[in-house]
N, C-alpha and C. Protein backbone atom coordinates (compact mmCIF):
# COMPACT_ATOMS: atom_id res chain seq x y z
N UNK A 1 54.14 62.09 88.67
CA UNK A 1 53.32 62.75 87.70
C UNK A 1 52.78 61.68 86.56
N UNK A 2 53.47 60.85 86.28
CA UNK A 2 53.15 59.55 85.17
C UNK A 2 52.14 58.75 85.68
N UNK A 3 52.44 58.44 87.22
CA UNK A 3 51.39 57.63 87.86
C UNK A 3 50.04 58.26 87.98
N UNK A 4 49.96 59.57 88.31
CA UNK A 4 48.67 60.31 88.17
C UNK A 4 47.91 60.29 87.01
N UNK A 5 48.67 60.46 85.72
CA UNK A 5 47.89 60.65 84.68
C UNK A 5 47.57 59.29 84.13
N UNK A 6 48.45 58.12 84.39
CA UNK A 6 47.93 56.87 84.15
C UNK A 6 46.95 56.40 85.07
N UNK A 7 46.62 56.94 86.23
CA UNK A 7 45.58 56.72 87.12
C UNK A 7 44.17 57.24 86.63
N UNK A 8 44.32 58.57 86.36
CA UNK A 8 43.25 59.41 85.57
C UNK A 8 42.77 58.74 84.31
N UNK A 9 43.62 58.45 83.46
CA UNK A 9 43.35 57.86 82.21
C UNK A 9 42.57 56.34 82.69
N UNK A 10 43.10 55.62 83.37
CA UNK A 10 42.57 54.47 83.76
C UNK A 10 41.18 54.50 84.36
N UNK A 11 40.90 55.49 85.14
CA UNK A 11 39.63 55.67 85.94
C UNK A 11 38.59 56.35 84.78
N UNK A 12 39.13 57.13 83.74
CA UNK A 12 38.16 57.39 82.73
C UNK A 12 37.84 56.50 81.95
N UNK A 13 38.73 55.57 81.63
CA UNK A 13 38.52 54.33 80.71
C UNK A 13 37.48 53.37 81.56
N UNK A 14 37.64 53.21 82.67
CA UNK A 14 36.89 52.48 83.56
C UNK A 14 35.42 52.86 83.53
N UNK A 15 35.27 54.25 83.80
CA UNK A 15 33.93 54.71 83.90
C UNK A 15 33.18 54.53 82.47
N UNK A 16 34.05 54.95 81.41
CA UNK A 16 33.59 54.53 80.18
C UNK A 16 32.93 53.36 79.81
N UNK A 17 33.82 52.32 80.36
CA UNK A 17 33.60 51.00 80.08
C UNK A 17 32.35 50.54 80.74
N UNK A 18 31.92 51.20 81.98
CA UNK A 18 30.84 50.71 82.71
C UNK A 18 29.60 51.62 82.25
N UNK A 19 29.88 52.66 81.36
CA UNK A 19 28.74 53.30 80.96
C UNK A 19 28.50 54.73 81.36
N UNK A 20 29.43 55.12 82.45
CA UNK A 20 28.92 56.43 83.00
C UNK A 20 29.11 57.50 82.06
N UNK A 21 30.23 57.45 81.12
CA UNK A 21 30.77 58.40 80.22
C UNK A 21 30.25 58.16 78.78
N UNK A 22 29.76 57.06 78.52
CA UNK A 22 29.27 56.75 77.19
C UNK A 22 28.04 57.74 76.93
N UNK A 23 27.84 58.13 75.50
CA UNK A 23 26.90 58.84 75.24
C UNK A 23 25.43 58.28 75.23
N UNK A 24 24.43 58.92 75.72
CA UNK A 24 23.20 58.30 75.92
C UNK A 24 22.51 58.18 74.65
N UNK A 25 21.78 57.05 74.65
CA UNK A 25 20.99 56.66 73.29
C UNK A 25 19.67 57.58 73.32
N UNK A 26 19.19 58.16 72.44
CA UNK A 26 17.90 58.89 72.57
C UNK A 26 16.71 57.96 72.88
N UNK A 27 15.78 58.40 73.56
CA UNK A 27 14.74 57.32 74.15
C UNK A 27 13.87 56.93 72.82
N UNK A 28 13.59 55.87 72.70
CA UNK A 28 12.76 55.48 71.57
C UNK A 28 11.15 56.09 71.77
N UNK A 29 10.75 56.15 70.57
CA UNK A 29 9.34 56.67 70.64
C UNK A 29 8.47 55.61 71.25
N UNK A 30 7.37 56.11 71.77
CA UNK A 30 6.51 55.07 72.51
C UNK A 30 5.76 54.44 71.17
N UNK A 31 5.31 53.07 71.17
CA UNK A 31 4.55 52.52 70.18
C UNK A 31 3.31 52.38 70.48
N UNK A 32 2.42 52.45 69.49
CA UNK A 32 0.88 52.31 69.57
C UNK A 32 0.83 50.74 70.38
N UNK A 33 -0.21 50.81 70.99
CA UNK A 33 -0.65 49.36 71.54
C UNK A 33 -0.93 48.58 70.50
N UNK A 34 -0.48 47.21 70.69
CA UNK A 34 -0.86 46.21 69.62
C UNK A 34 -2.05 45.83 69.95
N UNK A 35 -2.94 45.46 68.92
CA UNK A 35 -4.23 44.95 69.01
C UNK A 35 -4.11 43.35 69.04
N UNK A 36 -4.72 42.60 69.75
CA UNK A 36 -4.40 41.08 69.55
C UNK A 36 -5.20 40.62 68.46
N UNK A 37 -4.64 40.10 67.39
CA UNK A 37 -5.36 39.54 66.24
C UNK A 37 -6.55 38.79 66.29
N UNK A 38 -6.56 38.03 67.58
CA UNK A 38 -7.56 37.11 67.69
C UNK A 38 -8.82 37.97 68.18
N UNK A 39 -8.63 39.02 68.69
CA UNK A 39 -9.94 39.76 69.10
C UNK A 39 -10.09 41.12 68.28
N UNK A 40 -9.40 41.33 67.36
CA UNK A 40 -9.53 42.61 66.43
C UNK A 40 -10.72 42.49 65.54
N UNK A 41 -11.24 43.43 65.48
CA UNK A 41 -12.51 43.29 64.38
C UNK A 41 -12.06 43.53 62.90
N UNK A 42 -12.19 42.49 62.42
CA UNK A 42 -11.87 42.22 60.82
C UNK A 42 -12.83 42.88 59.95
N UNK A 43 -12.23 43.58 58.83
CA UNK A 43 -13.32 44.08 57.97
C UNK A 43 -12.59 43.54 56.50
N UNK A 44 -13.51 43.63 55.47
CA UNK A 44 -13.20 43.05 54.11
C UNK A 44 -13.06 44.25 53.10
N UNK A 45 -12.08 44.41 52.37
CA UNK A 45 -11.94 45.28 51.37
C UNK A 45 -12.64 44.81 50.18
N UNK A 46 -13.60 45.47 49.47
CA UNK A 46 -14.64 45.19 48.52
C UNK A 46 -13.83 45.02 47.09
N UNK A 47 -12.70 45.61 47.10
CA UNK A 47 -12.01 45.38 45.84
C UNK A 47 -11.40 44.28 45.57
N UNK A 48 -10.45 44.04 46.57
CA UNK A 48 -9.34 42.59 46.42
C UNK A 48 -9.90 41.61 47.45
N UNK A 49 -10.99 41.79 48.15
CA UNK A 49 -11.53 40.83 49.06
C UNK A 49 -10.49 40.41 50.24
N UNK A 50 -9.51 41.26 50.40
CA UNK A 50 -8.64 41.20 51.72
C UNK A 50 -9.19 41.47 53.16
N UNK A 51 -9.08 40.55 53.89
CA UNK A 51 -9.61 40.89 55.27
C UNK A 51 -8.25 41.59 55.88
N UNK A 52 -8.74 42.50 56.92
CA UNK A 52 -7.58 43.10 57.73
C UNK A 52 -8.34 43.79 58.78
N UNK A 53 -7.54 44.15 59.97
CA UNK A 53 -8.16 44.67 61.19
C UNK A 53 -8.68 46.03 60.73
N UNK A 54 -9.79 46.31 61.60
CA UNK A 54 -10.49 47.66 61.17
C UNK A 54 -9.57 48.70 61.54
N UNK A 55 -8.62 48.77 62.54
CA UNK A 55 -7.78 49.74 62.91
C UNK A 55 -6.74 49.96 61.91
N UNK A 56 -6.57 49.36 60.95
CA UNK A 56 -5.44 49.27 59.92
C UNK A 56 -6.22 49.65 58.68
N UNK A 57 -7.39 49.63 58.54
CA UNK A 57 -8.02 49.84 57.19
C UNK A 57 -8.24 51.26 57.02
N UNK A 58 -8.48 51.74 55.69
CA UNK A 58 -8.95 53.02 55.12
C UNK A 58 -10.38 52.90 55.01
N UNK A 59 -10.81 53.98 55.41
CA UNK A 59 -12.15 53.82 55.32
C UNK A 59 -12.94 55.14 54.33
N UNK A 60 -13.97 54.87 53.75
CA UNK A 60 -14.84 55.86 52.82
C UNK A 60 -16.22 55.76 53.20
N UNK A 61 -17.12 56.79 53.54
CA UNK A 61 -18.34 56.59 53.60
C UNK A 61 -19.21 57.01 52.37
N UNK A 62 -20.00 56.13 51.86
CA UNK A 62 -20.81 56.53 50.77
C UNK A 62 -22.29 55.95 51.12
N UNK A 63 -23.34 56.98 50.85
CA UNK A 63 -24.71 56.48 50.92
C UNK A 63 -25.03 55.82 52.06
N UNK A 64 -24.38 56.29 53.29
CA UNK A 64 -24.65 55.79 54.53
C UNK A 64 -23.90 54.58 54.91
N UNK A 65 -23.15 54.09 53.90
CA UNK A 65 -22.26 52.93 54.35
C UNK A 65 -20.96 53.20 54.51
N UNK A 66 -20.31 52.41 55.33
CA UNK A 66 -18.95 52.65 55.43
C UNK A 66 -18.13 51.45 54.73
N UNK A 67 -17.20 51.86 54.00
CA UNK A 67 -16.45 50.93 53.04
C UNK A 67 -14.97 50.87 53.52
N UNK A 68 -14.39 49.68 53.70
CA UNK A 68 -12.98 49.54 54.24
C UNK A 68 -12.08 49.27 53.01
N UNK A 69 -10.76 49.59 53.07
CA UNK A 69 -9.98 49.19 52.03
C UNK A 69 -8.58 48.92 52.56
N UNK A 70 -7.68 48.03 51.92
CA UNK A 70 -6.60 47.56 52.34
C UNK A 70 -5.25 48.58 51.90
N UNK A 71 -5.56 49.21 51.09
CA UNK A 71 -4.72 50.21 50.46
C UNK A 71 -5.23 51.40 49.71
N UNK A 72 -4.48 52.59 49.54
CA UNK A 72 -4.88 53.65 48.83
C UNK A 72 -5.34 53.32 47.31
N UNK A 73 -4.70 52.31 46.83
CA UNK A 73 -4.94 51.84 45.34
C UNK A 73 -6.36 51.38 45.34
N UNK A 74 -6.76 50.57 46.30
CA UNK A 74 -8.13 49.90 46.30
C UNK A 74 -9.21 50.93 46.54
N UNK A 75 -8.90 51.81 47.50
CA UNK A 75 -9.85 52.77 47.78
C UNK A 75 -10.10 53.81 46.51
N UNK A 76 -8.98 54.03 45.66
CA UNK A 76 -9.08 54.84 44.57
C UNK A 76 -9.87 54.12 43.55
N UNK A 77 -9.63 52.76 43.40
CA UNK A 77 -10.36 52.00 42.46
C UNK A 77 -11.83 52.10 42.75
N UNK A 78 -12.11 51.87 43.99
CA UNK A 78 -13.71 51.85 44.35
C UNK A 78 -14.13 53.32 44.04
N UNK A 79 -13.41 54.25 44.32
CA UNK A 79 -14.09 55.73 44.17
C UNK A 79 -14.18 56.03 42.70
N UNK A 80 -13.44 55.44 42.02
CA UNK A 80 -13.42 55.79 40.50
C UNK A 80 -14.69 54.79 39.82
N UNK A 81 -14.72 53.60 40.36
CA UNK A 81 -15.99 52.79 39.77
C UNK A 81 -17.13 53.35 40.23
N UNK A 82 -17.46 53.99 41.34
CA UNK A 82 -18.49 54.51 41.83
C UNK A 82 -18.72 55.86 41.06
N UNK A 83 -17.72 56.74 40.72
CA UNK A 83 -17.98 57.93 40.01
C UNK A 83 -18.39 57.56 38.35
N UNK A 84 -17.84 56.39 37.95
CA UNK A 84 -18.14 55.81 36.63
C UNK A 84 -19.70 55.39 36.63
N UNK A 85 -20.08 54.86 37.62
CA UNK A 85 -21.67 54.47 37.65
C UNK A 85 -22.64 55.64 37.58
N UNK A 86 -21.93 56.60 38.16
CA UNK A 86 -22.99 57.62 38.15
C UNK A 86 -22.99 58.30 39.48
């Protein structure tokens, strides 16, 4: 009886060790495809003059023009300046 119990415990440990009984990790979320920085279209933030890939920029359209921003703060500054101008 003792040998059987030892054999079962040893087998369970061996299976756990090789991964058969280990809990499975949740699959990771698929990542968005990365754009090659050498080929990405770069745009300029008109507030802080930062250049960034168009895919990462925030956009606002005004008077038929598209304006790009690196952050919500720059976008807000632009919109407030335009509102103050009239």
